[in-house]
Amino acid sequence: MMYVYILKSLKIPERYYVGSTHDLKRRLKEHNAGYSHHTNRYKPWRIELYLGFTDERKARKFETYLKSGSGRAFAKMHF
């Protein structure tokens, strides 16, 4: 299973991060431990949303969409 997730910063609530992983619990721990350069300064994080995909290709496409301008607008409006 491949997960696409949206994290929300507890330090700066307007800050979100979109990513994907096969192990959601491990990845959240890594973000909160500061292992990711892109998310370290906004930790701690909580999971706002995650979606599971059986097709990794579809998961990657959805992650790419959420990182696009229209995808960010969609996520902001619905999540």
PDB file of N, CA and C in Angstrom:
ATOM      1  N   MET A   1       0.856  -1.180   0.000  1.00  0.00           N
ATOM      2  CA  MET A   1       0.000   0.000   0.000  1.00  0.00           C
ATOM      3  C   MET A   1       0.895   1.233   0.000  1.00  0.00           C
ATOM      4  N   MET A   2       0.533   2.188  -0.800  1.00  0.00           N
ATOM      5  CA  MET A   2       1.248   3.468  -0.878  1.00  0.00           C
ATOM      6  C   MET A   2       0.321   4.549  -0.349  1.00  0.00           C
ATOM      7  N   TYR A   3       0.826   5.386   0.541  1.00  0.00           N
ATOM      8  CA  TYR A   3       0.026   6.445   1.146  1.00  0.00           C
ATOM      9  C   TYR A   3       0.482   7.816   0.661  1.00  0.00           C
ATOM     10  N   VAL A   4      -0.479   8.659   0.339  1.00  0.00           N
ATOM     11  CA  VAL A   4      -0.232  10.071   0.072  1.00  0.00           C
ATOM     12  C   VAL A   4      -0.811  10.797   1.275  1.00  0.00           C
ATOM     13  N   TYR A   5      -0.025  11.707   1.841  1.00  0.00           N
ATOM     14  CA  TYR A   5      -0.458  12.343   3.083  1.00  0.00           C
ATOM     15  C   TYR A   5      -0.267  13.847   3.038  1.00  0.00           C
ATOM     16  N   ILE A   6      -1.048  14.511   3.863  1.00  0.00           N
ATOM     17  CA  ILE A   6      -0.895  15.948   4.088  1.00  0.00           C
ATOM     18  C   ILE A   6      -0.643  16.133   5.577  1.00  0.00           C
ATOM     19  N   LEU A   7       0.478  16.776   5.891  1.00  0.00           N
ATOM     20  CA  LEU A   7       0.811  17.092   7.274  1.00  0.00           C
ATOM     21  C   LEU A   7       0.510  18.553   7.535  1.00  0.00           C
ATOM     22  N   LYS A   8       0.138  18.841   8.766  1.00  0.00           N
ATOM     23  CA  LYS A   8      -0.099  20.212   9.193  1.00  0.00           C
ATOM     24  C   LYS A   8       0.848  20.515  10.346  1.00  0.00           C
ATOM     25  N   SER A   9       1.507  21.652  10.262  1.00  0.00           N
ATOM     26  CA  SER A   9       2.428  22.055  11.317  1.00  0.00           C
ATOM     27  C   SER A   9       1.645  22.509  12.542  1.00  0.00           C
ATOM     28  N   LEU A  10       2.045  22.031  13.706  1.00  0.00           N
ATOM     29  CA  LEU A  10       1.432  22.492  14.953  1.00  0.00           C
ATOM     30  C   LEU A  10       2.070  23.805  15.411  1.00  0.00           C
ATOM     31  N   LYS A  11       3.282  24.061  14.947  1.00  0.00           N
ATOM     32  CA  LYS A  11       3.995  25.289  15.294  1.00  0.00           C
ATOM     33  C   LYS A  11       3.460  26.475  14.491  1.00  0.00           C
ATOM     34  N   ILE A  12       3.233  26.266  13.193  1.00  0.00           N
ATOM     35  CA  ILE A  12       2.720  27.296  12.285  1.00  0.00           C
ATOM     36  C   ILE A  12       1.550  26.668  11.523  1.00  0.00           C
ATOM     37  N   PRO A  13       0.334  26.774  12.061  1.00  0.00           N
ATOM     38  CA  PRO A  13      -0.821  26.043  11.517  1.00  0.00           C
ATOM     39  C   PRO A  13      -1.143  26.317  10.044  1.00  0.00           C
ATOM     40  N   GLU A  14      -0.654  27.403   9.472  1.00  0.00           N
ATOM     41  CA  GLU A  14      -0.910  27.681   8.053  1.00  0.00           C
ATOM     42  C   GLU A  14       0.000  26.854   7.151  1.00  0.00           C
ATOM     43  N   ARG A  15       0.978  26.175   7.736  1.00  0.00           N
ATOM     44  CA  ARG A  15       1.981  25.435   6.974  1.00  0.00           C
ATOM     45  C   ARG A  15       1.568  23.976   6.814  1.00  0.00           C
ATOM     46  N   TYR A  16       1.572  23.515   5.563  1.00  0.00           N
ATOM     47  CA  TYR A  16       1.235  22.134   5.231  1.00  0.00           C
ATOM     48  C   TYR A  16       2.380  21.497   4.461  1.00  0.00           C
ATOM     49  N   TYR A  17       2.416  20.175   4.452  1.00  0.00           N
ATOM     50  CA  TYR A  17       3.404  19.433   3.672  1.00  0.00           C
ATOM     51  C   TYR A  17       2.712  18.232   3.047  1.00  0.00           C
ATOM     52  N   VAL A  18       3.003  17.978   1.784  1.00  0.00           N
ATOM     53  CA  VAL A  18       2.434  16.837   1.060  1.00  0.00           C
ATOM     54  C   VAL A  18       3.556  15.860   0.762  1.00  0.00           C
ATOM     55  N   GLY A  19       3.311  14.582   1.006  1.00  0.00           N
ATOM     56  CA  GLY A  19       4.315  13.557   0.735  1.00  0.00           C
ATOM     57  C   GLY A  19       3.674  12.218   0.477  1.00  0.00           C
ATOM     58  N   SER A  20       4.509  11.203   0.268  1.00  0.00           N
ATOM     59  CA  SER A  20       4.017   9.838   0.061  1.00  0.00           C
ATOM     60  C   SER A  20       5.003   8.868   0.685  1.00  0.00           C
ATOM     61  N   THR A  21       4.501   7.708   1.063  1.00  0.00           N
ATOM     62  CA  THR A  21       5.327   6.706   1.737  1.00  0.00           C
ATOM     63  C   THR A  21       4.607   5.363   1.749  1.00  0.00           C
ATOM     64  N   HIS A  22       5.372   4.324   2.024  1.00  0.00           N
ATOM     65  CA  HIS A  22       4.787   2.997   2.239  1.00  0.00           C
ATOM     66  C   HIS A  22       4.519   2.763   3.724  1.00  0.00           C
ATOM     67  N   ASP A  23       5.168   3.523   4.589  1.00  0.00           N
ATOM     68  CA  ASP A  23       5.041   3.346   6.044  1.00  0.00           C
ATOM     69  C   ASP A  23       4.732   4.702   6.683  1.00  0.00           C
ATOM     70  N   LEU A  24       3.466   4.978   6.863  1.00  0.00           N
ATOM     71  CA  LEU A  24       3.009   6.289   7.323  1.00  0.00           C
ATOM     72  C   LEU A  24       3.482   6.621   8.740  1.00  0.00           C
ATOM     73  N   LYS A  25       3.394   5.675   9.661  1.00  0.00           N
ATOM     74  CA  LYS A  25       3.814   5.928  11.048  1.00  0.00           C
ATOM     75  C   LYS A  25       5.301   6.254  11.128  1.00  0.00           C
ATOM     76  N   ARG A  26       6.106   5.476  10.413  1.00  0.00           N
ATOM     77  CA  ARG A  26       7.547   5.725  10.408  1.00  0.00           C
ATOM     78  C   ARG A  26       7.862   7.093   9.812  1.00  0.00           C
ATOM     79  N   ARG A  27       7.187   7.436   8.724  1.00  0.00           N
ATOM     80  CA  ARG A  27       7.471   8.699   8.043  1.00  0.00           C
ATOM     81  C   ARG A  27       7.101   9.900   8.919  1.00  0.00           C
ATOM     82  N   LEU A  28       5.972   9.819   9.632  1.00  0.00           N
ATOM     83  CA  LEU A  28       5.593  10.908  10.538  1.00  0.00           C
ATOM     84  C   LEU A  28       6.637  11.070  11.639  1.00  0.00           C
ATOM     85  N   LYS A  29       7.124   9.957  12.184  1.00  0.00           N
ATOM     86  CA  LYS A  29       8.169  10.025  13.210  1.00  0.00           C
ATOM     87  C   LYS A  29       9.427  10.689  12.660  1.00  0.00           C
ATOM     88  N   GLU A  30       9.781  10.379  11.407  1.00  0.00           N
ATOM     89  CA  GLU A  30      10.952  10.996  10.788  1.00  0.00           C
ATOM     90  C   GLU A  30      10.769  12.505  10.621  1.00  0.00           C
ATOM     91  N   HIS A  31       9.600  12.920  10.168  1.00  0.00           N
ATOM     92  CA  HIS A  31       9.333  14.359  10.037  1.00  0.00           C
ATOM     93  C   HIS A  31       9.440  15.058  11.391  1.00  0.00           C
ATOM     94  N   ASN A  32       8.864  14.465  12.419  1.00  0.00           N
ATOM     95  CA  ASN A  32       8.876  15.086  13.745  1.00  0.00           C
ATOM     96  C   ASN A  32      10.238  15.005  14.433  1.00  0.00           C
ATOM     97  N   ALA A  33      11.085  14.089  13.992  1.00  0.00           N
ATOM     98  CA  ALA A  33      12.439  13.977  14.550  1.00  0.00           C
ATOM     99  C   ALA A  33      13.414  14.915  13.836  1.00  0.00           C
ATOM    100  N   GLY A  34      12.965  15.544  12.756  1.00  0.00           N
ATOM    101  CA  GLY A  34      13.811  16.496  12.054  1.00  0.00           C
ATOM    102  C   GLY A  34      14.667  15.907  10.954  1.00  0.00           C
ATOM    103  N   TYR A  35      14.359  14.694  10.493  1.00  0.00           N
ATOM    104  CA  TYR A  35      15.164  14.051   9.451  1.00  0.00           C
ATOM    105  C   TYR A  35      14.969  14.669   8.079  1.00  0.00           C
ATOM    106  N   SER A  36      13.868  15.355   7.871  1.00  0.00           N
ATOM    107  CA  SER A  36      13.592  15.962   6.567  1.00  0.00           C
ATOM    108  C   SER A  36      13.976  17.444   6.593  1.00  0.00           C
ATOM    109  N   HIS A  37      14.848  17.818   5.691  1.00  0.00           N
ATOM    110  CA  HIS A  37      15.287  19.209   5.582  1.00  0.00           C
ATOM    111  C   HIS A  37      14.106  20.147   5.318  1.00  0.00           C
ATOM    112  N   HIS A  38      13.134  19.682   4.513  1.00  0.00           N
ATOM    113  CA  HIS A  38      12.005  20.518   4.114  1.00  0.00           C
ATOM    114  C   HIS A  38      10.996  20.757   5.242  1.00  0.00           C
ATOM    115  N   THR A  39      10.951  19.875   6.220  1.00  0.00           N
ATOM    116  CA  THR A  39       9.935  19.999   7.264  1.00  0.00           C
ATOM    117  C   THR A  39      10.507  20.280   8.651  1.00  0.00           C
ATOM    118  N   ASN A  40      11.806  20.246   8.799  1.00  0.00           N
ATOM    119  CA  ASN A  40      12.430  20.369  10.119  1.00  0.00           C
ATOM    120  C   ASN A  40      12.038  21.643  10.848  1.00  0.00           C
ATOM    121  N   ARG A  41      12.052  22.777  10.182  1.00  0.00           N
ATOM    122  CA  ARG A  41      11.825  24.045  10.889  1.00  0.00           C
ATOM    123  C   ARG A  41      10.368  24.268  11.301  1.00  0.00           C
ATOM    124  N   TYR A  42       9.440  23.453  10.780  1.00  0.00           N
ATOM    125  CA  TYR A  42       8.014  23.636  11.098  1.00  0.00           C
ATOM    126  C   TYR A  42       7.459  22.549  12.016  1.00  0.00           C
ATOM    127  N   LYS A  43       8.324  21.682  12.530  1.00  0.00           N
ATOM    128  CA  LYS A  43       7.847  20.602  13.401  1.00  0.00           C
ATOM    129  C   LYS A  43       7.364  21.156  14.725  1.00  0.00           C
ATOM    130  N   PRO A  44       6.526  20.511  15.443  1.00  0.00           N
ATOM    131  CA  PRO A  44       5.977  19.181  15.192  1.00  0.00           C
ATOM    132  C   PRO A  44       4.830  19.202  14.172  1.00  0.00           C
ATOM    133  N   TRP A  45       4.614  18.030  13.584  1.00  0.00           N
ATOM    134  CA  TRP A  45       3.591  17.836  12.557  1.00  0.00           C
ATOM    135  C   TRP A  45       2.539  16.861  13.044  1.00  0.00           C
ATOM    136  N   ARG A  46       1.356  16.988  12.456  1.00  0.00           N
ATOM    137  CA  ARG A  46       0.320  15.974  12.665  1.00  0.00           C
ATOM    138  C   ARG A  46      -0.251  15.637  11.289  1.00  0.00           C
ATOM    139  N   ILE A  47      -0.793  14.452  11.175  1.00  0.00           N
ATOM    140  CA  ILE A  47      -1.394  14.035   9.913  1.00  0.00           C
ATOM    141  C   ILE A  47      -2.766  14.682   9.799  1.00  0.00           C
ATOM    142  N   GLU A  48      -2.955  15.439   8.748  1.00  0.00           N
ATOM    143  CA  GLU A  48      -4.234  16.085   8.468  1.00  0.00           C
ATOM    144  C   GLU A  48      -5.111  15.153   7.620  1.00  0.00           C
ATOM    145  N   LEU A  49      -4.471  14.452   6.672  1.00  0.00           N
ATOM    146  CA  LEU A  49      -5.194  13.570   5.752  1.00  0.00           C
ATOM    147  C   LEU A  49      -4.230  12.549   5.184  1.00  0.00           C
ATOM    148  N   TYR A  50      -4.716  11.336   4.958  1.00  0.00           N
ATOM    149  CA  TYR A  50      -3.931  10.372   4.186  1.00  0.00           C
ATOM    150  C   TYR A  50      -4.879   9.519   3.368  1.00  0.00           C
ATOM    151  N   LEU A  51      -4.392   9.116   2.206  1.00  0.00           N
ATOM    152  CA  LEU A  51      -5.135   8.253   1.302  1.00  0.00           C
ATOM    153  C   LEU A  51      -4.254   7.074   0.942  1.00  0.00           C
ATOM    154  N   GLY A  52      -4.827   5.871   0.941  1.00  0.00           N
ATOM    155  CA  GLY A  52      -4.083   4.670   0.579  1.00  0.00           C
ATOM    156  C   GLY A  52      -4.370   4.268  -0.859  1.00  0.00           C
ATOM    157  N   PHE A  53      -3.319   3.921  -1.578  1.00  0.00           N
ATOM    158  CA  PHE A  53      -3.423   3.496  -2.969  1.00  0.00           C
ATOM    159  C   PHE A  53      -2.793   2.115  -3.118  1.00  0.00           C
ATOM    160  N   THR A  54      -3.453   1.245  -3.858  1.00  0.00           N
ATOM    161  CA  THR A  54      -2.851  -0.043  -4.172  1.00  0.00           C
ATOM    162  C   THR A  54      -1.933   0.066  -5.384  1.00  0.00           C
ATOM    163  N   ASP A  55      -2.115   1.088  -6.186  1.00  0.00           N
ATOM    164  CA  ASP A  55      -1.298   1.330  -7.377  1.00  0.00           C
ATOM    165  C   ASP A  55      -0.340   2.488  -7.086  1.00  0.00           C
ATOM    166  N   GLU A  56       0.959   2.176  -6.976  1.00  0.00           N
ATOM    167  CA  GLU A  56       1.945   3.198  -6.622  1.00  0.00           C
ATOM    168  C   GLU A  56       2.003   4.314  -7.662  1.00  0.00           C
ATOM    169  N   ARG A  57       1.813   3.986  -8.912  1.00  0.00           N
ATOM    170  CA  ARG A  57       1.839   4.998  -9.975  1.00  0.00           C
ATOM    171  C   ARG A  57       0.727   6.028  -9.767  1.00  0.00           C
ATOM    172  N   LYS A  58      -0.460   5.567  -9.406  1.00  0.00           N
ATOM    173  CA  LYS A  58      -1.577   6.487  -9.143  1.00  0.00           C
ATOM    174  C   LYS A  58      -1.296   7.346  -7.915  1.00  0.00           C
ATOM    175  N   ALA A  59      -0.670   6.762  -6.904  1.00  0.00           N
ATOM    176  CA  ALA A  59      -0.314   7.519  -5.693  1.00  0.00           C
ATOM    177  C   ALA A  59       0.651   8.642  -6.041  1.00  0.00           C
ATOM    178  N   ARG A  60       1.662   8.338  -6.834  1.00  0.00           N
ATOM    179  CA  ARG A  60       2.649   9.353  -7.211  1.00  0.00           C
ATOM    180  C   ARG A  60       2.005  10.468  -8.036  1.00  0.00           C
ATOM    181  N   LYS A  61       1.090  10.093  -8.919  1.00  0.00           N
ATOM    182  CA  LYS A  61       0.398  11.103  -9.730  1.00  0.00           C
ATOM    183  C   LYS A  61      -0.456  12.003  -8.840  1.00  0.00           C
ATOM    184  N   PHE A  62      -1.131  11.411  -7.848  1.00  0.00           N
ATOM    185  CA  PHE A  62      -1.970  12.209  -6.948  1.00  0.00           C
ATOM    186  C   PHE A  62      -1.103  13.128  -6.084  1.00  0.00           C
ATOM    187  N   GLU A  63       0.032  12.642  -5.620  1.00  0.00           N
ATOM    188  CA  GLU A  63       0.954  13.486  -4.850  1.00  0.00           C
ATOM    189  C   GLU A  63       1.423  14.665  -5.699  1.00  0.00           C
ATOM    190  N   THR A  64       1.791  14.398  -6.935  1.00  0.00           N
ATOM    191  CA  THR A  64       2.221  15.464  -7.841  1.00  0.00           C
ATOM    192  C   THR A  64       1.110  16.482  -8.041  1.00  0.00           C
ATOM    193  N   TYR A  65      -0.124  15.994  -8.190  1.00  0.00           N
ATOM    194  CA  TYR A  65      -1.263  16.906  -8.339  1.00  0.00           C
ATOM    195  C   TYR A  65      -1.417  17.788  -7.098  1.00  0.00           C
ATOM    196  N   LEU A  66      -1.353  17.201  -5.909  1.00  0.00           N
ATOM    197  CA  LEU A  66      -1.516  17.985  -4.677  1.00  0.00           C
ATOM    198  C   LEU A  66      -0.419  19.029  -4.509  1.00  0.00           C
ATOM    199  N   LYS A  67       0.738  18.801  -5.108  1.00  0.00           N
ATOM    200  CA  LYS A  67       1.837  19.757  -5.021  1.00  0.00           C
ATOM    201  C   LYS A  67       1.750  20.839  -6.090  1.00  0.00           C
ATOM    202  N   SER A  68       0.822  20.691  -7.020  1.00  0.00           N
ATOM    203  CA  SER A  68       0.636  21.703  -8.066  1.00  0.00           C
ATOM    204  C   SER A  68      -0.225  22.844  -7.527  1.00  0.00           C
ATOM    205  N   GLY A  69      -0.294  23.927  -8.255  1.00  0.00           N
ATOM    206  CA  GLY A  69      -1.099  25.072  -7.839  1.00  0.00           C
ATOM    207  C   GLY A  69      -2.562  24.727  -7.660  1.00  0.00           C
ATOM    208  N   SER A  70      -3.141  24.040  -8.632  1.00  0.00           N
ATOM    209  CA  SER A  70      -4.561  23.686  -8.521  1.00  0.00           C
ATOM    210  C   SER A  70      -4.778  22.631  -7.446  1.00  0.00           C
ATOM    211  N   GLY A  71      -3.816  21.741  -7.262  1.00  0.00           N
ATOM    212  CA  GLY A  71      -3.931  20.729  -6.214  1.00  0.00           C
ATOM    213  C   GLY A  71      -3.863  21.330  -4.815  1.00  0.00           C
ATOM    214  N   ARG A  72      -3.018  22.331  -4.644  1.00  0.00           N
ATOM    215  CA  ARG A  72      -2.938  23.016  -3.348  1.00  0.00           C
ATOM    216  C   ARG A  72      -4.235  23.777  -3.057  1.00  0.00           C
ATOM    217  N   ALA A  73      -4.792  24.402  -4.094  1.00  0.00           N
ATOM    218  CA  ALA A  73      -6.061  25.102  -3.917  1.00  0.00           C
ATOM    219  C   ALA A  73      -7.171  24.119  -3.563  1.00  0.00           C
ATOM    220  N   PHE A  74      -7.182  22.956  -4.236  1.00  0.00           N
ATOM    221  CA  PHE A  74      -8.169  21.919  -3.950  1.00  0.00           C
ATOM    222  C   PHE A  74      -8.034  21.439  -2.503  1.00  0.00           C
ATOM    223  N   ALA A  75      -6.825  21.137  -2.084  1.00  0.00           N
ATOM    224  CA  ALA A  75      -6.586  20.636  -0.722  1.00  0.00           C
ATOM    225  C   ALA A  75      -6.970  21.685   0.312  1.00  0.00           C
ATOM    226  N   LYS A  76      -6.626  22.926   0.060  1.00  0.00           N
ATOM    227  CA  LYS A  76      -6.936  23.988   1.014  1.00  0.00           C
ATOM    228  C   LYS A  76      -8.454  24.143   1.186  1.00  0.00           C
ATOM    229  N   MET A  77      -9.183  24.010   0.091  1.00  0.00           N
ATOM    230  CA  MET A  77     -10.629  24.179   0.133  1.00  0.00           C
ATOM    231  C   MET A  77     -11.331  22.978   0.773  1.00  0.00           C
ATOM    232  N   HIS A  78     -10.812  21.787   0.562  1.00  0.00           N
ATOM    233  CA  HIS A  78     -11.510  20.585   1.016  1.00  0.00           C
ATOM    234  C   HIS A  78     -10.938  19.938   2.275  1.00  0.00           C
ATOM    235  N   PHE A  79      -9.692  20.241   2.612  1.00  0.00           N
ATOM    236  CA  PHE A  79      -9.086  19.596   3.767  1.00  0.00           C
ATOM    237  C   PHE A  79      -8.622  20.642   4.737  1.00  0.00           C
TER     238      PHE A  79
END
